[in-house]
């Protein structure tokens, strides 16, 4: 079962449990899925939609608006397990030869290609700046 189907199946569970916070998040996600041109979305596309919603909510909070941290936490529960900073540092030290790049930031592309959606680009950027 892919991530989109998992989220849709959890709609009934949230309704039965009368979990209004989770129900609201699931309904927003399903609405976003329905706005996409294709009916079946890949897990990468679903993760991108979730990250977009989280980013917009965080921007609202940063701008002094009334963002909802519970909403963000519910959205984040659907994201795949994120790689830890230690995992990223270990992989970089084992696999990246910085002499191939003009500067350290050019190594972002192969790092993000390896980790995909399981690593936050801002964390990878911070790690590269510290090296």
C-alpha atoms as a PDB file:
ATOM      1  CA  UNK A   1       0.000   0.000   0.000  1.00  0.00           C
ATOM      2  CA  UNK A   2       1.474   3.343  -0.979  1.00  0.00           C
ATOM      3  CA  UNK A   3       1.430   6.474   1.162  1.00  0.00           C
ATOM      4  CA  UNK A   4      -1.582   7.999  -0.586  1.00  0.00           C
ATOM      5  CA  UNK A   5      -3.688   4.874   0.026  1.00  0.00           C
ATOM      6  CA  UNK A   6      -2.493   4.708   3.631  1.00  0.00           C
ATOM      7  CA  UNK A   7      -3.615   8.284   4.278  1.00  0.00           C
ATOM      8  CA  UNK A   8      -6.995   7.674   2.645  1.00  0.00           C
ATOM      9  CA  UNK A   9      -7.554   4.529   4.710  1.00  0.00           C
ATOM     10  CA  UNK A  10      -6.769   6.426   7.913  1.00  0.00           C
ATOM     11  CA  UNK A  11      -9.662   8.800   7.230  1.00  0.00           C
ATOM     12  CA  UNK A  12     -12.158   6.197   8.494  1.00  0.00           C
ATOM     13  CA  UNK A  13     -10.027   5.434  11.542  1.00  0.00           C
ATOM     14  CA  UNK A  14      -9.849   9.131  12.465  1.00  0.00           C
ATOM     15  CA  UNK A  15     -13.615   9.469  12.040  1.00  0.00           C
ATOM     16  CA  UNK A  16     -14.297   6.465  14.269  1.00  0.00           C
ATOM     17  CA  UNK A  17     -11.872   7.730  16.914  1.00  0.00           C
ATOM     18  CA  UNK A  18     -13.408  11.217  16.695  1.00  0.00           C
ATOM     19  CA  UNK A  19      -9.888  12.638  16.359  1.00  0.00           C
ATOM     20  CA  UNK A  20     -10.784  16.020  14.873  1.00  0.00           C
ATOM     21  CA  UNK A  21      -7.181  17.252  14.590  1.00  0.00           C
ATOM     22  CA  UNK A  22      -6.032  14.227  12.592  1.00  0.00           C
ATOM     23  CA  UNK A  23      -9.268  14.195  10.604  1.00  0.00           C
ATOM     24  CA  UNK A  24      -8.699  17.806   9.547  1.00  0.00           C
ATOM     25  CA  UNK A  25      -5.144  17.046   8.427  1.00  0.00           C
ATOM     26  CA  UNK A  26      -6.246  13.993   6.438  1.00  0.00           C
ATOM     27  CA  UNK A  27      -9.016  15.948   4.732  1.00  0.00           C
ATOM     28  CA  UNK A  28      -6.573  18.702   3.759  1.00  0.00           C
ATOM     29  CA  UNK A  29      -4.160  16.115   2.357  1.00  0.00           C
ATOM     30  CA  UNK A  30      -6.879  14.347   0.369  1.00  0.00           C
ATOM     31  CA  UNK A  31      -7.967  17.721  -1.010  1.00  0.00           C
ATOM     32  CA  UNK A  32      -4.396  18.403  -2.120  1.00  0.00           C
ATOM     33  CA  UNK A  33      -4.226  14.959  -3.739  1.00  0.00           C
ATOM     34  CA  UNK A  34      -7.402  15.651  -5.709  1.00  0.00           C
ATOM     35  CA  UNK A  35      -5.952  18.910  -7.076  1.00  0.00           C
ATOM     36  CA  UNK A  36      -3.153  17.007  -8.785  1.00  0.00           C
ATOM     37  CA  UNK A  37      -3.581  16.142 -12.469  1.00  0.00           C
ATOM     38  CA  UNK A  38      -2.931  12.423 -11.925  1.00  0.00           C
ATOM     39  CA  UNK A  39      -5.119  10.279  -9.687  1.00  0.00           C
ATOM     40  CA  UNK A  40      -2.446   7.922  -8.352  1.00  0.00           C
ATOM     41  CA  UNK A  41       0.462   9.819  -6.822  1.00  0.00           C
ATOM     42  CA  UNK A  42       3.888   8.384  -6.137  1.00  0.00           C
ATOM     43  CA  UNK A  43       5.154   8.397  -2.578  1.00  0.00           C
ATOM     44  CA  UNK A  44       7.685  11.082  -3.574  1.00  0.00           C
ATOM     45  CA  UNK A  45       4.867  13.336  -4.818  1.00  0.00           C
ATOM     46  CA  UNK A  46       2.854  12.761  -1.619  1.00  0.00           C
ATOM     47  CA  UNK A  47       5.914  13.584   0.509  1.00  0.00           C
ATOM     48  CA  UNK A  48       6.468  16.751  -1.556  1.00  0.00           C
ATOM     49  CA  UNK A  49       2.860  17.830  -0.922  1.00  0.00           C
ATOM     50  CA  UNK A  50       3.211  17.205   2.814  1.00  0.00           C
ATOM     51  CA  UNK A  51       6.498  19.124   2.969  1.00  0.00           C
ATOM     52  CA  UNK A  52       4.911  22.023   1.072  1.00  0.00           C
ATOM     53  CA  UNK A  53       2.071  22.200   3.609  1.00  0.00           C
ATOM     54  CA  UNK A  54       4.516  22.047   6.529  1.00  0.00           C
ATOM     55  CA  UNK A  55       6.669  24.767   4.996  1.00  0.00           C
ATOM     56  CA  UNK A  56       3.717  27.087   4.452  1.00  0.00           C
ATOM     57  CA  UNK A  57       2.510  26.565   8.036  1.00  0.00           C
ATOM     58  CA  UNK A  58       6.003  27.260   9.417  1.00  0.00           C
ATOM     59  CA  UNK A  59       6.234  30.438   7.316  1.00  0.00           C
ATOM     60  CA  UNK A  60       2.910  31.525   8.775  1.00  0.00           C
ATOM     61  CA  UNK A  61       4.222  30.965  12.300  1.00  0.00           C
ATOM     62  CA  UNK A  62       7.494  32.776  11.531  1.00  0.00           C
ATOM     63  CA  UNK A  63       5.567  35.742  10.148  1.00  0.00           C
ATOM     64  CA  UNK A  64       3.821  36.083  13.504  1.00  0.00           C
ATOM     65  CA  UNK A  65       0.606  34.508  12.364  1.00  0.00           C
ATOM     66  CA  UNK A  66      -1.446  31.988  14.204  1.00  0.00           C
ATOM     67  CA  UNK A  67       0.062  28.743  12.950  1.00  0.00           C
ATOM     68  CA  UNK A  68      -0.766  25.421  14.542  1.00  0.00           C
ATOM     69  CA  UNK A  69       2.069  23.247  15.855  1.00  0.00           C
ATOM     70  CA  UNK A  70      -0.270  20.260  16.302  1.00  0.00           C
ATOM     71  CA  UNK A  71      -1.141  20.525  12.617  1.00  0.00           C
ATOM     72  CA  UNK A  72       2.562  20.421  11.732  1.00  0.00           C
ATOM     73  CA  UNK A  73       3.137  17.448  14.045  1.00  0.00           C
ATOM     74  CA  UNK A  74       0.233  15.551  12.444  1.00  0.00           C
ATOM     75  CA  UNK A  75       1.589  16.265   8.962  1.00  0.00           C
ATOM     76  CA  UNK A  76       5.101  15.208   9.963  1.00  0.00           C
ATOM     77  CA  UNK A  77       3.771  11.864  11.164  1.00  0.00           C
ATOM     78  CA  UNK A  78       3.172  10.949   7.502  1.00  0.00           C
ATOM     79  CA  UNK A  79       6.722  11.732   6.411  1.00  0.00           C
ATOM     80  CA  UNK A  80       9.229   8.897   6.121  1.00  0.00           C
ATOM     81  CA  UNK A  81      11.746   8.474   8.926  1.00  0.00           C
ATOM     82  CA  UNK A  82      14.293  11.266   8.610  1.00  0.00           C
ATOM     83  CA  UNK A  83      17.997  10.488   8.525  1.00  0.00           C
ATOM     84  CA  UNK A  84      19.846  11.726  11.593  1.00  0.00           C
ATOM     85  CA  UNK A  85      22.657  14.252  11.385  1.00  0.00           C
ATOM     86  CA  UNK A  86      25.077  11.528  12.437  1.00  0.00           C
ATOM     87  CA  UNK A  87      23.915   9.234   9.611  1.00  0.00           C
ATOM     88  CA  UNK A  88      24.345  12.039   7.094  1.00  0.00           C
ATOM     89  CA  UNK A  89      27.806  12.954   8.405  1.00  0.00           C
ATOM     90  CA  UNK A  90      28.914   9.310   8.291  1.00  0.00           C
ATOM     91  CA  UNK A  91      27.671   8.850   4.735  1.00  0.00           C
ATOM     92  CA  UNK A  92      29.362  12.080   3.602  1.00  0.00           C
ATOM     93  CA  UNK A  93      32.710  11.095   5.129  1.00  0.00           C
ATOM     94  CA  UNK A  94      32.529   7.622   3.545  1.00  0.00           C
ATOM     95  CA  UNK A  95      31.280   8.580   0.077  1.00  0.00           C
ATOM     96  CA  UNK A  96      32.038  12.207  -0.816  1.00  0.00           C
ATOM     97  CA  UNK A  97      35.404  13.349  -2.141  1.00  0.00           C
ATOM     98  CA  UNK A  98      35.356  17.138  -1.834  1.00  0.00           C
ATOM     99  CA  UNK A  99      38.323  17.477  -4.218  1.00  0.00           C
ATOM    100  CA  UNK A 100      35.858  16.764  -7.069  1.00  0.00           C
ATOM    101  CA  UNK A 101      33.876  19.895  -6.294  1.00  0.00           C
ATOM    102  CA  UNK A 102      34.709  23.585  -6.596  1.00  0.00           C
ATOM    103  CA  UNK A 103      33.170  24.219  -3.189  1.00  0.00           C
ATOM    104  CA  UNK A 104      31.521  22.106  -0.508  1.00  0.00           C
ATOM    105  CA  UNK A 105      27.971  23.153  -1.393  1.00  0.00           C
ATOM    106  CA  UNK A 106      28.261  21.493  -4.797  1.00  0.00           C
ATOM    107  CA  UNK A 107      28.226  18.175  -2.933  1.00  0.00           C
ATOM    108  CA  UNK A 108      24.554  18.776  -2.050  1.00  0.00           C
ATOM    109  CA  UNK A 109      23.350  17.150  -5.270  1.00  0.00           C
ATOM    110  CA  UNK A 110      24.836  13.667  -4.740  1.00  0.00           C
ATOM    111  CA  UNK A 111      23.994  13.760  -1.022  1.00  0.00           C
ATOM    112  CA  UNK A 112      20.347  14.631  -1.643  1.00  0.00           C
ATOM    113  CA  UNK A 113      20.193  12.107  -4.490  1.00  0.00           C
ATOM    114  CA  UNK A 114      21.274   9.400  -2.038  1.00  0.00           C
ATOM    115  CA  UNK A 115      19.026  10.381   0.872  1.00  0.00           C
ATOM    116  CA  UNK A 116      16.059  11.688  -1.138  1.00  0.00           C
ATOM    117  CA  UNK A 117      13.134  12.710   1.021  1.00  0.00           C
ATOM    118  CA  UNK A 118      14.644  11.143   4.141  1.00  0.00           C
ATOM    119  CA  UNK A 119      17.024  14.088   4.620  1.00  0.00           C
ATOM    120  CA  UNK A 120      16.157  17.740   5.090  1.00  0.00           C
ATOM    121  CA  UNK A 121      18.138  19.948   2.717  1.00  0.00           C
ATOM    122  CA  UNK A 122      18.650  22.570   5.425  1.00  0.00           C
ATOM    123  CA  UNK A 123      20.294  20.016   7.718  1.00  0.00           C
ATOM    124  CA  UNK A 124      22.586  18.814   4.911  1.00  0.00           C
ATOM    125  CA  UNK A 125      23.498  22.432   4.151  1.00  0.00           C
ATOM    126  CA  UNK A 126      24.309  23.076   7.813  1.00  0.00           C
ATOM    127  CA  UNK A 127      26.486  19.949   7.970  1.00  0.00           C
ATOM    128  CA  UNK A 128      28.392  20.970   4.839  1.00  0.00           C
ATOM    129  CA  UNK A 129      28.987  24.454   6.250  1.00  0.00           C
ATOM    130  CA  UNK A 130      30.396  22.955   9.447  1.00  0.00           C
ATOM    131  CA  UNK A 131      32.879  20.729   7.578  1.00  0.00           C
END
